[in-house]
PDB file of N, CA and C in Angstrom:
ATOM      1  N   MET A   1       4.049 -10.001  66.238  1.00  0.00           N
ATOM      2  CA  MET A   1       5.328  -9.872  66.633  1.00  0.00           C
ATOM      3  C   MET A   1       4.967 -10.378  68.119  1.00  0.00           C
ATOM      4  N   GLU A   2       4.321 -10.199  68.867  1.00  0.00           N
ATOM      5  CA  GLU A   2       3.990 -10.569  70.163  1.00  0.00           C
ATOM      6  C   GLU A   2       4.216 -11.982  70.693  1.00  0.00           C
ATOM      7  N   LYS A   3       3.495 -13.108  69.435  1.00  0.00           N
ATOM      8  CA  LYS A   3       3.686 -14.723  69.526  1.00  0.00           C
ATOM      9  C   LYS A   3       4.986 -14.950  69.404  1.00  0.00           C
ATOM     10  N   LYS A   4       5.941 -14.526  68.330  1.00  0.00           N
ATOM     11  CA  LYS A   4       7.094 -15.050  67.850  1.00  0.00           C
ATOM     12  C   LYS A   4       8.384 -13.815  67.979  1.00  0.00           C
ATOM     13  N   GLY A   5       8.322 -12.704  68.246  1.00  0.00           N
ATOM     14  CA  GLY A   5       9.145 -11.737  68.405  1.00  0.00           C
ATOM     15  C   GLY A   5       9.925 -11.440  66.696  1.00  0.00           C
ATOM     16  N   TYR A   6      10.474 -10.083  67.187  1.00  0.00           N
ATOM     17  CA  TYR A   6      10.889  -9.817  65.903  1.00  0.00           C
ATOM     18  C   TYR A   6      12.137 -10.466  65.105  1.00  0.00           C
ATOM     19  N   LEU A   7      12.461 -11.167  65.920  1.00  0.00           N
ATOM     20  CA  LEU A   7      13.621 -12.114  64.999  1.00  0.00           C
ATOM     21  C   LEU A   7      13.050 -13.558  64.025  1.00  0.00           C
ATOM     22  N   GLU A   8      11.671 -13.714  64.839  1.00  0.00           N
ATOM     23  CA  GLU A   8      11.213 -14.854  63.891  1.00  0.00           C
ATOM     24  C   GLU A   8      10.170 -14.393  62.677  1.00  0.00           C
ATOM     25  N   MET A   9      10.087 -12.795  62.662  1.00  0.00           N
ATOM     26  CA  MET A   9       8.632 -12.603  61.843  1.00  0.00           C
ATOM     27  C   MET A   9       9.326 -12.952  60.344  1.00  0.00           C
ATOM     28  N   SER A  10       8.417 -13.160  59.553  1.00  0.00           N
ATOM     29  CA  SER A  10       8.861 -12.920  58.037  1.00  0.00           C
ATOM     30  C   SER A  10       9.560 -11.304  57.571  1.00  0.00           C
ATOM     31  N   VAL A  11      10.243 -11.787  56.681  1.00  0.00           N
ATOM     32  CA  VAL A  11      10.385 -10.562  55.767  1.00  0.00           C
ATOM     33  C   VAL A  11       9.841  -9.555  55.134  1.00  0.00           C
ATOM     34  N   GLU A  12       8.500 -10.077  54.882  1.00  0.00           N
ATOM     35  CA  GLU A  12       7.374  -9.415  54.644  1.00  0.00           C
ATOM     36  C   GLU A  12       6.691  -8.345  56.003  1.00  0.00           C
ATOM     37  N   CYS A  13       6.591  -9.127  57.299  1.00  0.00           N
ATOM     38  CA  CYS A  13       6.225  -8.651  58.336  1.00  0.00           C
ATOM     39  C   CYS A  13       6.938  -7.580  58.555  1.00  0.00           C
ATOM     40  N   LYS A  14       8.283  -8.042  58.742  1.00  0.00           N
ATOM     41  CA  LYS A  14       9.463  -6.699  58.597  1.00  0.00           C
ATOM     42  C   LYS A  14       9.713  -5.846  57.744  1.00  0.00           C
ATOM     43  N   LEU A  15       9.190  -5.895  56.735  1.00  0.00           N
ATOM     44  CA  LEU A  15       9.209  -4.630  55.924  1.00  0.00           C
ATOM     45  C   LEU A  15       7.842  -3.945  56.192  1.00  0.00           C
ATOM     46  N   ALA A  16       6.695  -4.710  56.198  1.00  0.00           N
ATOM     47  CA  ALA A  16       5.366  -4.130  56.329  1.00  0.00           C
ATOM     48  C   ALA A  16       5.609  -2.984  57.809  1.00  0.00           C
ATOM     49  N   LEU A  17       6.393  -3.193  59.148  1.00  0.00           N
ATOM     50  CA  LEU A  17       6.923  -2.777  60.013  1.00  0.00           C
ATOM     51  C   LEU A  17       7.354  -1.536  59.937  1.00  0.00           C
ATOM     52  N   LEU A  18       8.434  -1.694  58.769  1.00  0.00           N
ATOM     53  CA  LEU A  18       9.461  -0.645  58.885  1.00  0.00           C
ATOM     54  C   LEU A  18       8.603   0.485  58.206  1.00  0.00           C
ATOM     55  N   LYS A  19       7.736  -0.037  56.984  1.00  0.00           N
ATOM     56  CA  LYS A  19       7.079   0.940  56.195  1.00  0.00           C
ATOM     57  C   LYS A  19       5.682   1.761  57.219  1.00  0.00           C
ATOM     58  N   TYR A  20       5.561   0.921  58.034  1.00  0.00           N
ATOM     59  CA  TYR A  20       4.545   1.645  59.314  1.00  0.00           C
ATOM     60  C   TYR A  20       5.426   2.753  59.769  1.00  0.00           C
ATOM     61  N   LEU A  21       6.556   1.980  60.307  1.00  0.00           N
ATOM     62  CA  LEU A  21       7.042   3.504  61.051  1.00  0.00           C
ATOM     63  C   LEU A  21       7.622   4.708  60.229  1.00  0.00           C
ATOM     64  N   CYS A  22       8.053   4.403  58.813  1.00  0.00           N
ATOM     65  CA  CYS A  22       8.436   5.347  58.264  1.00  0.00           C
ATOM     66  C   CYS A  22       6.963   6.486  58.331  1.00  0.00           C
ATOM     67  N   GLU A  23       5.988   5.828  57.505  1.00  0.00           N
ATOM     68  CA  GLU A  23       4.955   6.492  57.568  1.00  0.00           C
ATOM     69  C   GLU A  23       4.416   7.020  58.550  1.00  0.00           C
ATOM     70  N   CYS A  24       4.836   6.565  59.772  1.00  0.00           N
ATOM     71  CA  CYS A  24       4.550   7.258  61.252  1.00  0.00           C
ATOM     72  C   CYS A  24       5.126   8.228  61.319  1.00  0.00           C
ATOM     73  N   GLN A  25       6.710   8.814  60.982  1.00  0.00           N
ATOM     74  CA  GLN A  25       7.204   9.928  61.024  1.00  0.00           C
ATOM     75  C   GLN A  25       6.442  11.281  60.349  1.00  0.00           C
ATOM     76  N   PHE A  26       6.142  10.850  59.093  1.00  0.00           N
ATOM     77  CA  PHE A  26       4.869  12.150  58.250  1.00  0.00           C
ATOM     78  C   PHE A  26       3.779  12.564  58.989  1.00  0.00           C
ATOM     79  N   ASP A  27       3.059  10.990  59.840  1.00  0.00           N
ATOM     80  CA  ASP A  27       1.583  11.431  60.250  1.00  0.00           C
ATOM     81  C   ASP A  27       1.866  12.557  61.466  1.00  0.00           C
ATOM     82  N   ASP A  28       2.851  11.960  62.667  1.00  0.00           N
ATOM     83  CA  ASP A  28       3.095  12.518  63.888  1.00  0.00           C
ATOM     84  C   ASP A  28       4.025  13.298  64.196  1.00  0.00           C
ATOM     85  N   ASN A  29       5.082  13.515  63.270  1.00  0.00           N
ATOM     86  CA  ASN A  29       6.407  14.220  63.691  1.00  0.00           C
ATOM     87  C   ASN A  29       6.361  15.611  62.831  1.00  0.00           C
ATOM     88  N   LEU A  30       5.440  16.880  63.166  1.00  0.00           N
ATOM     89  CA  LEU A  30       5.379  17.954  62.292  1.00  0.00           C
ATOM     90  C   LEU A  30       6.751  18.107  61.684  1.00  0.00           C
ATOM     91  N   LYS A  31       7.360  18.554  62.558  1.00  0.00           N
ATOM     92  CA  LYS A  31       8.544  19.272  62.529  1.00  0.00           C
ATOM     93  C   LYS A  31       9.529  18.594  61.425  1.00  0.00           C
ATOM     94  N   PHE A  32       9.470  16.988  61.523  1.00  0.00           N
ATOM     95  CA  PHE A  32      10.217  16.132  60.389  1.00  0.00           C
ATOM     96  C   PHE A  32       9.020  17.014  58.859  1.00  0.00           C
ATOM     97  N   LYS A  33       8.123  16.310  59.176  1.00  0.00           N
ATOM     98  CA  LYS A  33       7.417  16.927  57.864  1.00  0.00           C
ATOM     99  C   LYS A  33       7.233  17.765  57.354  1.00  0.00           C
ATOM    100  N   ASN A  34       7.494  19.186  58.075  1.00  0.00           N
ATOM    101  CA  ASN A  34       8.163  20.145  57.207  1.00  0.00           C
ATOM    102  C   ASN A  34       9.019  20.338  56.726  1.00  0.00           C
ATOM    103  N   ILE A  35      10.185  19.886  57.360  1.00  0.00           N
ATOM    104  CA  ILE A  35      11.218  19.774  56.533  1.00  0.00           C
ATOM    105  C   ILE A  35      11.417  19.242  55.616  1.00  0.00           C
ATOM    106  N   ILE A  36      10.679  18.056  55.433  1.00  0.00           N
ATOM    107  CA  ILE A  36      10.870  17.491  53.868  1.00  0.00           C
ATOM    108  C   ILE A  36      10.002  18.128  53.389  1.00  0.00           C
ATOM    109  N   ASN A  37       8.648  18.488  53.645  1.00  0.00           N
ATOM    110  CA  ASN A  37       7.890  19.021  52.324  1.00  0.00           C
ATOM    111  C   ASN A  37       8.622  20.491  52.172  1.00  0.00           C
ATOM    112  N   GLU A  38       9.597  21.164  52.401  1.00  0.00           N
ATOM    113  CA  GLU A  38      10.648  22.200  51.488  1.00  0.00           C
ATOM    114  C   GLU A  38      11.183  21.024  50.516  1.00  0.00           C
ATOM    115  N   GLU A  39      11.661  20.337  50.851  1.00  0.00           N
ATOM    116  CA  GLU A  39      12.745  20.150  49.809  1.00  0.00           C
ATOM    117  C   GLU A  39      11.959  19.505  48.731  1.00  0.00           C
ATOM    118  N   ASP A  40      12.750  19.483  47.669  1.00  0.00           N
ATOM    119  CA  ASP A  40      12.351  19.697  46.188  1.00  0.00           C
ATOM    120  C   ASP A  40      12.278  17.842  46.182  1.00  0.00           C
ATOM    121  N   ALA A  41      11.249  17.405  45.458  1.00  0.00           N
ATOM    122  CA  ALA A  41      10.318  15.901  45.784  1.00  0.00           C
ATOM    123  C   ALA A  41      12.254  15.489  44.453  1.00  0.00           C
ATOM    124  N   ASP A  42      12.340  16.255  43.013  1.00  0.00           N
ATOM    125  CA  ASP A  42      13.344  15.488  42.244  1.00  0.00           C
ATOM    126  C   ASP A  42      14.507  15.431  42.670  1.00  0.00           C
ATOM    127  N   THR A  43      15.383  16.230  43.991  1.00  0.00           N
ATOM    128  CA  THR A  43      16.603  16.239  44.438  1.00  0.00           C
ATOM    129  C   THR A  43      16.348  14.758  45.527  1.00  0.00           C
ATOM    130  N   MET A  44      15.171  14.390  45.839  1.00  0.00           N
ATOM    131  CA  MET A  44      15.537  13.427  46.863  1.00  0.00           C
ATOM    132  C   MET A  44      15.530  11.919  45.791  1.00  0.00           C
ATOM    133  N   ARG A  45      15.315  11.760  44.706  1.00  0.00           N
ATOM    134  CA  ARG A  45      14.600  10.722  44.220  1.00  0.00           C
ATOM    135  C   ARG A  45      16.098  10.337  43.768  1.00  0.00           C
ATOM    136  N   LEU A  46      16.346   9.271  43.933  1.00  0.00           N
ATOM    137  CA  LEU A  46      17.520   8.320  43.167  1.00  0.00           C
ATOM    138  C   LEU A  46      16.779   7.996  41.386  1.00  0.00           C
ATOM    139  N   GLN A  47      17.983   8.576  40.399  1.00  0.00           N
ATOM    140  CA  GLN A  47      17.780   8.515  38.869  1.00  0.00           C
ATOM    141  C   GLN A  47      18.752   7.072  38.780  1.00  0.00           C
ATOM    142  N   PRO A  48      18.245   6.790  38.032  1.00  0.00           N
ATOM    143  CA  PRO A  48      19.118   5.341  37.203  1.00  0.00           C
ATOM    144  C   PRO A  48      20.362   6.316  35.831  1.00  0.00           C
ATOM    145  N   ILE A  49      21.245   5.901  35.929  1.00  0.00           N
ATOM    146  CA  ILE A  49      22.477   6.206  36.000  1.00  0.00           C
ATOM    147  C   ILE A  49      22.547   5.940  33.991  1.00  0.00           C
ATOM    148  N   GLY A  50      21.984   5.369  33.767  1.00  0.00           N
ATOM    149  CA  GLY A  50      21.938   4.914  32.233  1.00  0.00           C
ATOM    150  C   GLY A  50      20.803   4.070  31.846  1.00  0.00           C
ATOM    151  N   ARG A  51      21.023   3.426  30.734  1.00  0.00           N
ATOM    152  CA  ARG A  51      19.731   2.548  30.115  1.00  0.00           C
ATOM    153  C   ARG A  51      20.551   1.825  28.440  1.00  0.00           C
ATOM    154  N   ASP A  52      20.344   0.583  28.576  1.00  0.00           N
ATOM    155  CA  ASP A  52      20.933   0.270  27.249  1.00  0.00           C
ATOM    156  C   ASP A  52      20.097  -0.526  26.292  1.00  0.00           C
ATOM    157  N   LYS A  53      20.445  -0.539  25.332  1.00  0.00           N
ATOM    158  CA  LYS A  53      19.810  -0.770  23.762  1.00  0.00           C
ATOM    159  C   LYS A  53      18.323  -1.630  24.435  1.00  0.00           C
ATOM    160  N   ASP A  54      18.643  -2.414  25.234  1.00  0.00           N
ATOM    161  CA  ASP A  54      17.199  -3.141  25.316  1.00  0.00           C
ATOM    162  C   ASP A  54      16.419  -2.629  26.034  1.00  0.00           C
ATOM    163  N   GLY A  55      16.409  -1.698  26.883  1.00  0.00           N
ATOM    164  CA  GLY A  55      15.604  -0.178  27.656  1.00  0.00           C
ATOM    165  C   GLY A  55      15.690  -1.355  28.885  1.00  0.00           C
ATOM    166  N   LEU A  56      16.875  -1.861  29.387  1.00  0.00           N
ATOM    167  CA  LEU A  56      17.332  -1.921  30.756  1.00  0.00           C
ATOM    168  C   LEU A  56      17.725  -0.416  31.847  1.00  0.00           C
ATOM    169  N   MET A  57      17.210  -0.674  32.586  1.00  0.00           N
ATOM    170  CA  MET A  57      17.989   0.589  33.704  1.00  0.00           C
ATOM    171  C   MET A  57      19.197   0.394  34.244  1.00  0.00           C
ATOM    172  N   TYR A  58      19.851   1.278  34.821  1.00  0.00           N
ATOM    173  CA  TYR A  58      21.112   0.796  35.314  1.00  0.00           C
ATOM    174  C   TYR A  58      21.037   1.723  36.833  1.00  0.00           C
ATOM    175  N   TRP A  59      20.682   1.535  37.849  1.00  0.00           N
ATOM    176  CA  TRP A  59      20.918   1.781  38.999  1.00  0.00           C
ATOM    177  C   TRP A  59      21.977   2.001  39.933  1.00  0.00           C
ATOM    178  N   TYR A  60      22.896   3.311  40.215  1.00  0.00           N
ATOM    179  CA  TYR A  60      23.899   3.120  40.744  1.00  0.00           C
ATOM    180  C   TYR A  60      23.741   3.412  42.391  1.00  0.00           C
ATOM    181  N   GLN A  61      24.434   2.287  43.338  1.00  0.00           N
ATOM    182  CA  GLN A  61      23.949   3.163  44.891  1.00  0.00           C
ATOM    183  C   GLN A  61      25.747   3.241  45.480  1.00  0.00           C
ATOM    184  N   LEU A  62      25.917   3.887  46.308  1.00  0.00           N
ATOM    185  CA  LEU A  62      27.062   3.593  47.013  1.00  0.00           C
ATOM    186  C   LEU A  62      26.324   4.515  48.656  1.00  0.00           C
ATOM    187  N   ASP A  63      26.733   3.303  49.238  1.00  0.00           N
ATOM    188  CA  ASP A  63      25.981   3.763  51.132  1.00  0.00           C
ATOM    189  C   ASP A  63      27.634   4.706  52.183  1.00  0.00           C
ATOM    190  N   GLN A  64      27.451   4.681  52.959  1.00  0.00           N
ATOM    191  CA  GLN A  64      28.392   5.965  54.084  1.00  0.00           C
ATOM    192  C   GLN A  64      29.796   4.765  54.320  1.00  0.00           C
ATOM    193  N   ASP A  65      29.430   3.687  53.879  1.00  0.00           N
ATOM    194  CA  ASP A  65      30.933   2.453  54.586  1.00  0.00           C
ATOM    195  C   ASP A  65      30.980   2.206  53.345  1.00  0.00           C
ATOM    196  N   HIS A  66      31.003   3.145  51.892  1.00  0.00           N
ATOM    197  CA  HIS A  66      31.402   2.930  50.692  1.00  0.00           C
ATOM    198  C   HIS A  66      31.280   1.419  50.135  1.00  0.00           C
ATOM    199  N   ASN A  67      29.802   0.957  49.996  1.00  0.00           N
ATOM    200  CA  ASN A  67      29.263  -0.483  49.643  1.00  0.00           C
ATOM    201  C   ASN A  67      28.902   0.041  48.698  1.00  0.00           C
ATOM    202  N   VAL A  68      29.323  -0.636  47.285  1.00  0.00           N
ATOM    203  CA  VAL A  68      28.858  -0.239  45.842  1.00  0.00           C
ATOM    204  C   VAL A  68      27.763  -1.630  45.654  1.00  0.00           C
ATOM    205  N   ARG A  69      26.550  -1.008  45.166  1.00  0.00           N
ATOM    206  CA  ARG A  69      25.520  -1.652  44.386  1.00  0.00           C
ATOM    207  C   ARG A  69      25.076  -1.186  43.075  1.00  0.00           C
ATOM    208  N   MET A  70      24.842  -2.023  41.942  1.00  0.00           N
ATOM    209  CA  MET A  70      24.568  -1.786  40.685  1.00  0.00           C
ATOM    210  C   MET A  70      23.217  -2.522  40.606  1.00  0.00           C
ATOM    211  N   TYR A  71      22.061  -2.398  40.311  1.00  0.00           N
ATOM    212  CA  TYR A  71      20.964  -2.693  40.181  1.00  0.00           C
ATOM    213  C   TYR A  71      20.407  -2.685  38.683  1.00  0.00           C
ATOM    214  N   ILE A  72      19.766  -3.355  37.889  1.00  0.00           N
ATOM    215  CA  ILE A  72      19.306  -3.225  36.716  1.00  0.00           C
ATOM    216  C   ILE A  72      17.522  -3.656  36.851  1.00  0.00           C
ATOM    217  N   GLU A  73      16.587  -2.969  36.011  1.00  0.00           N
ATOM    218  CA  GLU A  73      15.300  -2.976  36.045  1.00  0.00           C
ATOM    219  C   GLU A  73      14.915  -2.763  34.697  1.00  0.00           C
ATOM    220  N   GLU A  74      13.574  -3.613  34.207  1.00  0.00           N
ATOM    221  CA  GLU A  74      13.551  -3.061  33.368  1.00  0.00           C
ATOM    222  C   GLU A  74      12.722  -1.716  33.151  1.00  0.00           C
ATOM    223  N   GLN A  75      12.462  -1.109  32.107  1.00  0.00           N
ATOM    224  CA  GLN A  75      11.943   0.160  31.869  1.00  0.00           C
ATOM    225  C   GLN A  75      10.733   0.243  32.460  1.00  0.00           C
ATOM    226  N   ASP A  76       9.987  -0.796  31.991  1.00  0.00           N
ATOM    227  CA  ASP A  76       8.129  -0.787  31.956  1.00  0.00           C
ATOM    228  C   ASP A  76       7.986  -1.546  33.384  1.00  0.00           C
ATOM    229  N   ASP A  77       8.929  -1.516  34.237  1.00  0.00           N
ATOM    230  CA  ASP A  77       8.415  -2.872  36.219  1.00  0.00           C
ATOM    231  C   ASP A  77       7.536  -1.893  36.467  1.00  0.00           C
ATOM    232  N   GLN A  78       5.762  -2.313  36.397  1.00  0.00           N
ATOM    233  CA  GLN A  78       5.013  -1.569  37.795  1.00  0.00           C
ATOM    234  C   GLN A  78       5.199  -2.175  38.706  1.00  0.00           C
ATOM    235  N   ASP A  79       5.124  -3.028  39.196  1.00  0.00           N
ATOM    236  CA  ASP A  79       5.493  -4.241  40.544  1.00  0.00           C
ATOM    237  C   ASP A  79       6.376  -3.802  41.120  1.00  0.00           C
ATOM    238  N   GLY A  80       7.903  -3.617  40.439  1.00  0.00           N
ATOM    239  CA  GLY A  80       9.114  -3.504  40.874  1.00  0.00           C
ATOM    240  C   GLY A  80       9.260  -5.578  41.084  1.00  0.00           C
ATOM    241  N   SER A  81       9.139  -6.041  39.988  1.00  0.00           N
ATOM    242  CA  SER A  81       9.673  -7.565  39.884  1.00  0.00           C
ATOM    243  C   SER A  81      10.705  -8.062  39.426  1.00  0.00           C
ATOM    244  N   SER A  82      11.458  -6.984  38.601  1.00  0.00           N
ATOM    245  CA  SER A  82      12.563  -6.896  37.496  1.00  0.00           C
ATOM    246  C   SER A  82      13.824  -6.346  38.042  1.00  0.00           C
ATOM    247  N   TRP A  83      13.522  -6.152  39.381  1.00  0.00           N
ATOM    248  CA  TRP A  83      14.643  -5.648  39.855  1.00  0.00           C
ATOM    249  C   TRP A  83      15.910  -6.814  40.284  1.00  0.00           C
ATOM    250  N   LYS A  84      17.375  -6.531  39.902  1.00  0.00           N
ATOM    251  CA  LYS A  84      17.980  -7.647  40.147  1.00  0.00           C
ATOM    252  C   LYS A  84      19.433  -7.085  40.727  1.00  0.00           C
ATOM    253  N   CYS A  85      19.695  -6.975  41.525  1.00  0.00           N
ATOM    254  CA  CYS A  85      21.252  -6.739  41.643  1.00  0.00           C
ATOM    255  C   CYS A  85      22.445  -7.557  41.206  1.00  0.00           C
ATOM    256  N   ILE A  86      23.163  -7.079  40.497  1.00  0.00           N
ATOM    257  CA  ILE A  86      24.209  -7.350  39.495  1.00  0.00           C
ATOM    258  C   ILE A  86      26.193  -7.130  40.016  1.00  0.00           C
ATOM    259  N   VAL A  87      25.831  -6.012  40.646  1.00  0.00           N
ATOM    260  CA  VAL A  87      27.368  -5.998  41.372  1.00  0.00           C
ATOM    261  C   VAL A  87      26.683  -5.744  43.227  1.00  0.00           C
TER     262      VAL A  87
END
């Protein structure tokens, strides 16, 4: 990052940096960590809205700006490689 700057970094490096910053919130911010640990894990997880006869799972997301996204994923996808945005 010091050599190229954030804008020139690869997507992989940007995601690794974001992941690191998110993980630091749990390591270094005790107040945040305690609040999150009080929540039920299942209520924080997004669940698929359905499955089709071929075993594809459908995921629906609506953000605060009312942007709608729908994804499909193969049911036994272990590495996340089958995710595909369809809407």
